[in-house]
Amino acid sequence: MSEPEFTEAKLPQPGFTVETAKVLAEVAHNRQKDKLKRPYRDHVIAVGDALADFDDDIRIAGYLHDIAEDTPITRQALLDMGVSERAADIIERVTNRLHDNPDDYQAGMHFIAEDHDAALVKIADNAHNSLPERVRALAAKWPDKPPVTKYRDARPVLYAAVDVEEVRKILARVNPWLLKELDDRLDDEDDTDYENLTYDDAPAAEPASVVEPRDLGNGPQPA
């Protein structure tokens, strides 16, 4: 029997991977600087890295979260490269210039928070933008203008859109300093009267399941 012929059309096509997204982010933002004149690619890479505990679409969207905002690359171009519809949807939702009112930052945060996956990406973005060293540097550069108030005000909106443990995973990777703020907020929201809490207030325990004795065959049985 002759060897089967393989054509290029029959070979599986490689997908758009997380690593591809990371490389694209580095290249696309290579010449850009942030407000402190630092390489902007460092920010997008940090956001993608912060989402390492989540699925590939979310991680890809993390690395590419600013690509439609700050580069000529369009949604269709991303799809043509192999980016999934879901990842493209996330990127589109977190792109400020595509919002109905790009100048209304808080309205944009509420719009993002309507989608769980987009909220995760924006939490990572917010956390990296809120690193203590960066906050101090921005405050020193613009002493008359609190530069990160909008990030602080956005966090409760974004956090409410996802599970608290998902927030913790992101903060632990990108900005552990925000974990205390998160815990303080949770304490403030907890209205349990611990001083007057009694055992009667605890939820009833599930009844223990009955364990059948094992069949030990013909050997000696327990008394």
Protein backbone atom coordinates (compact mmCIF):
# COMPACT_ATOMS: atom_id res chain seq x y z
CA MET A 1 0.00 0.00 0.00
CA SER A 2 1.37 3.35 -0.93
CA GLU A 3 2.04 6.01 1.69
CA PRO A 4 -0.95 8.33 2.24
CA GLU A 5 -0.59 11.76 0.74
CA PHE A 6 -0.89 14.66 3.13
CA THR A 7 -1.78 18.10 1.87
CA GLU A 8 -1.42 21.36 3.72
CA ALA A 9 -5.18 21.73 3.81
CA LYS A 10 -5.51 18.53 5.85
CA LEU A 11 -3.03 19.53 8.50
CA PRO A 12 -4.47 21.02 11.71
CA GLN A 13 -4.01 24.76 11.89
CA PRO A 14 -2.34 26.12 15.02
CA GLY A 15 -4.61 28.16 17.27
CA PHE A 16 -3.98 31.59 18.69
CA THR A 17 -2.29 30.80 21.99
CA VAL A 18 -1.68 32.71 25.18
CA GLU A 19 1.99 32.94 24.25
CA THR A 20 1.04 34.38 20.85
CA ALA A 21 -1.04 37.04 22.61
CA LYS A 22 1.86 37.92 24.88
CA VAL A 23 4.24 38.34 21.94
CA LEU A 24 1.67 40.38 20.00
CA ALA A 25 1.14 42.66 23.02
CA GLU A 26 4.89 43.23 23.35
CA VAL A 27 5.23 44.09 19.67
CA ALA A 28 2.07 46.19 19.36
CA HIS A 29 2.89 48.37 22.38
CA ASN A 30 6.67 48.31 21.92
CA ARG A 31 7.19 52.04 21.29
CA GLN A 32 4.49 53.34 23.64
CA LYS A 33 5.09 54.97 27.03
CA ASP A 34 2.77 55.46 29.98
CA LYS A 35 2.17 58.69 31.92
CA LEU A 36 5.44 58.17 33.78
CA LYS A 37 7.34 57.62 30.52
CA ARG A 38 7.77 53.94 31.24
CA PRO A 39 7.40 51.20 28.59
CA TYR A 40 3.68 50.58 28.20
CA ARG A 41 4.28 46.97 27.21
CA ASP A 42 5.25 46.29 30.83
CA HIS A 43 1.69 47.16 31.87
CA VAL A 44 -0.12 44.95 29.37
CA ILE A 45 2.18 42.03 30.13
CA ALA A 46 1.57 42.46 33.86
CA VAL A 47 -2.19 42.44 33.33
CA GLY A 48 -2.03 39.25 31.28
CA ASP A 49 0.28 37.61 33.83
CA ALA A 50 -2.15 38.51 36.63
CA LEU A 51 -4.82 36.33 34.98
CA ALA A 52 -2.73 33.15 34.97
CA ASP A 53 -5.32 31.31 37.09
CA PHE A 54 -8.04 31.69 34.45
CA ASP A 55 -8.78 30.16 31.06
CA ASP A 56 -6.96 30.98 27.84
CA ASP A 57 -9.57 33.37 26.42
CA ILE A 58 -9.42 35.52 29.55
CA ARG A 59 -5.62 35.46 29.61
CA ILE A 60 -5.44 36.38 25.91
CA ALA A 61 -7.85 39.25 26.50
CA GLY A 62 -5.68 40.36 29.41
CA TYR A 63 -2.56 40.64 27.28
CA LEU A 64 -4.51 42.35 24.50
CA HIS A 65 -6.85 44.47 26.64
CA ASP A 66 -5.48 47.75 25.29
CA ILE A 67 -4.70 46.71 21.75
CA ALA A 68 -7.93 48.13 20.29
CA GLU A 69 -7.57 51.24 22.45
CA ASP A 70 -4.00 52.17 21.60
CA THR A 71 -3.09 50.53 18.28
CA PRO A 72 -4.60 50.32 14.77
CA ILE A 73 -5.38 46.61 15.23
CA THR A 74 -9.11 46.03 14.86
CA ARG A 75 -11.47 43.34 16.11
CA GLN A 76 -11.60 41.82 12.64
CA ALA A 77 -7.82 41.74 12.45
CA LEU A 78 -7.72 39.88 15.75
CA LEU A 79 -10.31 37.38 14.53
CA ASP A 80 -8.34 36.88 11.33
CA MET A 81 -5.27 36.08 13.45
CA GLY A 82 -7.22 33.37 15.25
CA VAL A 83 -8.37 35.19 18.38
CA SER A 84 -11.65 33.64 19.56
CA GLU A 85 -14.94 35.51 19.42
CA ARG A 86 -15.15 35.35 23.20
CA ALA A 87 -11.71 36.91 23.71
CA ALA A 88 -12.50 39.56 21.10
CA ASP A 89 -15.76 40.36 22.90
CA ILE A 90 -13.88 40.88 26.17
CA ILE A 91 -11.32 43.14 24.51
CA GLU A 92 -14.07 45.16 22.87
CA ARG A 93 -15.98 45.60 26.14
CA VAL A 94 -12.94 46.88 28.05
CA THR A 95 -11.98 49.30 25.26
CA ASN A 96 -12.96 52.73 26.56
CA ARG A 97 -13.15 54.47 23.19
CA LEU A 98 -15.83 52.01 22.06
CA HIS A 99 -18.15 52.83 24.98
CA ASP A 100 -21.27 54.93 24.43
CA ASN A 101 -19.75 57.75 26.49
CA PRO A 102 -15.97 57.36 26.62
CA ASP A 103 -15.62 60.41 28.87
CA ASP A 104 -17.76 58.89 31.64
CA TYR A 105 -15.28 56.57 33.33
CA GLN A 106 -17.59 55.24 36.02
CA ALA A 107 -20.34 54.50 33.49
CA GLY A 108 -17.76 52.52 31.58
CA MET A 109 -16.91 50.52 34.70
CA HIS A 110 -20.57 49.62 35.20
CA PHE A 111 -20.78 48.53 31.56
CA ILE A 112 -17.69 46.34 31.95
CA ALA A 113 -19.05 44.88 35.20
CA GLU A 114 -22.07 43.54 33.32
CA ASP A 115 -19.78 40.84 31.93
CA HIS A 116 -17.95 38.52 34.33
CA ASP A 117 -14.94 37.88 32.07
CA ALA A 118 -14.45 41.54 31.19
CA ALA A 119 -14.64 42.44 34.88
CA LEU A 120 -11.79 40.02 35.63
CA VAL A 121 -9.59 41.65 33.00
CA LYS A 122 -10.43 45.13 34.25
CA ILE A 123 -9.72 44.13 37.86
CA ALA A 124 -6.22 43.08 36.79
CA ASP A 125 -5.80 46.33 34.84
CA ASN A 126 -7.03 48.39 37.79
CA ALA A 127 -4.78 46.56 40.24
CA HIS A 128 -1.62 47.10 38.21
CA ASN A 129 -2.47 50.78 37.72
CA SER A 130 -2.88 51.04 41.51
CA LEU A 131 0.51 49.70 42.57
CA PRO A 132 1.76 51.79 45.54
CA GLU A 133 4.98 52.84 43.82
CA ARG A 134 3.07 54.00 40.77
CA VAL A 135 0.53 55.87 42.88
CA ARG A 136 3.32 57.72 44.69
CA ALA A 137 5.09 58.56 41.43
CA LEU A 138 1.89 59.93 39.86
CA ALA A 139 1.08 61.93 42.98
CA ALA A 140 4.56 63.44 42.92
CA LYS A 141 4.21 64.38 39.27
CA TRP A 142 0.71 65.87 39.65
CA PRO A 143 0.46 66.95 43.32
CA ASP A 144 -2.72 68.98 42.75
CA LYS A 145 -4.63 66.16 41.08
CA PRO A 146 -5.33 62.86 42.81
CA PRO A 147 -4.41 60.54 39.91
CA VAL A 148 -5.94 57.24 40.99
CA THR A 149 -9.21 58.17 42.70
CA LYS A 150 -11.11 56.78 39.73
CA TYR A 151 -9.40 53.41 40.14
CA ARG A 152 -10.30 53.25 43.84
CA ASP A 153 -13.93 54.18 43.12
CA ALA A 154 -14.15 51.58 40.34
CA ARG A 155 -13.02 48.64 42.46
CA PRO A 156 -16.29 48.01 44.37
CA VAL A 157 -18.19 48.00 41.07
CA LEU A 158 -15.80 45.52 39.45
CA TYR A 159 -15.41 43.32 42.53
CA ALA A 160 -19.19 42.91 42.82
CA ALA A 161 -19.27 41.32 39.35
CA VAL A 162 -17.11 38.31 40.24
CA ASP A 163 -16.46 35.88 43.06
CA VAL A 164 -14.31 37.28 45.87
CA GLU A 165 -11.84 34.40 45.56
CA GLU A 166 -11.30 35.33 41.92
CA VAL A 167 -10.45 38.86 43.05
CA ARG A 168 -7.99 37.48 45.60
CA LYS A 169 -6.21 35.36 42.98
CA ILE A 170 -5.68 38.39 40.75
CA LEU A 171 -4.57 40.75 43.52
CA ALA A 172 -2.18 38.17 44.94
CA ARG A 173 -0.37 38.05 41.61
CA VAL A 174 -0.31 41.69 40.57
CA ASN A 175 -0.91 43.91 43.62
CA PRO A 176 -0.95 42.16 47.03
CA TRP A 177 -1.17 45.54 48.74
CA LEU A 178 -4.82 45.74 47.69
CA LEU A 179 -5.72 42.57 49.61
CA LYS A 180 -5.99 44.49 52.88
CA GLU A 181 -8.29 47.03 51.24
CA LEU A 182 -10.43 44.14 50.00
CA ASP A 183 -10.60 42.55 53.45
CA ASP A 184 -11.45 45.89 55.07
CA ARG A 185 -14.25 46.40 52.56
CA LEU A 186 -15.62 42.92 53.23
CA ASP A 187 -15.53 43.62 56.97
CA ASP A 188 -17.45 46.86 56.43
CA GLU A 189 -20.07 45.04 54.38
CA ASP A 190 -20.48 42.25 56.94
CA ASP A 191 -23.47 43.19 59.13
CA THR A 192 -23.33 40.08 61.35
CA ASP A 193 -23.78 40.94 65.05
CA TYR A 194 -20.85 38.90 66.32
CA GLU A 195 -21.18 40.16 69.90
CA ASN A 196 -24.61 38.58 70.23
CA LEU A 197 -24.01 35.62 67.96
CA THR A 198 -25.00 32.28 69.54
CA TYR A 199 -24.60 28.70 68.53
CA ASP A 200 -28.32 28.64 67.81
CA ASP A 201 -27.67 31.05 64.92
CA ALA A 202 -25.32 28.64 63.18
CA PRO A 203 -26.73 26.65 60.25
CA ALA A 204 -27.82 23.13 61.13
CA ALA A 205 -25.17 20.54 60.45
CA GLU A 206 -25.84 17.93 57.81
CA PRO A 207 -26.62 14.51 59.34
CA ALA A 208 -23.66 12.19 59.23
CA SER A 209 -23.92 9.53 56.58
CA VAL A 210 -24.16 5.94 57.73
CA VAL A 211 -21.14 3.89 56.77
CA GLU A 212 -21.91 0.28 56.03
CA PRO A 213 -19.43 -2.28 57.44
CA ARG A 214 -17.09 -3.62 54.83
CA ASP A 215 -17.42 -7.19 53.60
CA LEU A 216 -14.34 -8.85 55.01
CA GLY A 217 -15.00 -12.17 53.34
CA ASN A 218 -14.48 -15.35 55.38
CA GLY A 219 -11.91 -13.84 57.73
CA PRO A 220 -12.60 -13.00 61.36
CA GLN A 221 -15.34 -10.35 61.85
CA PRO A 222 -15.14 -7.54 64.40
CA ALA A 223 -17.00 -8.26 67.65
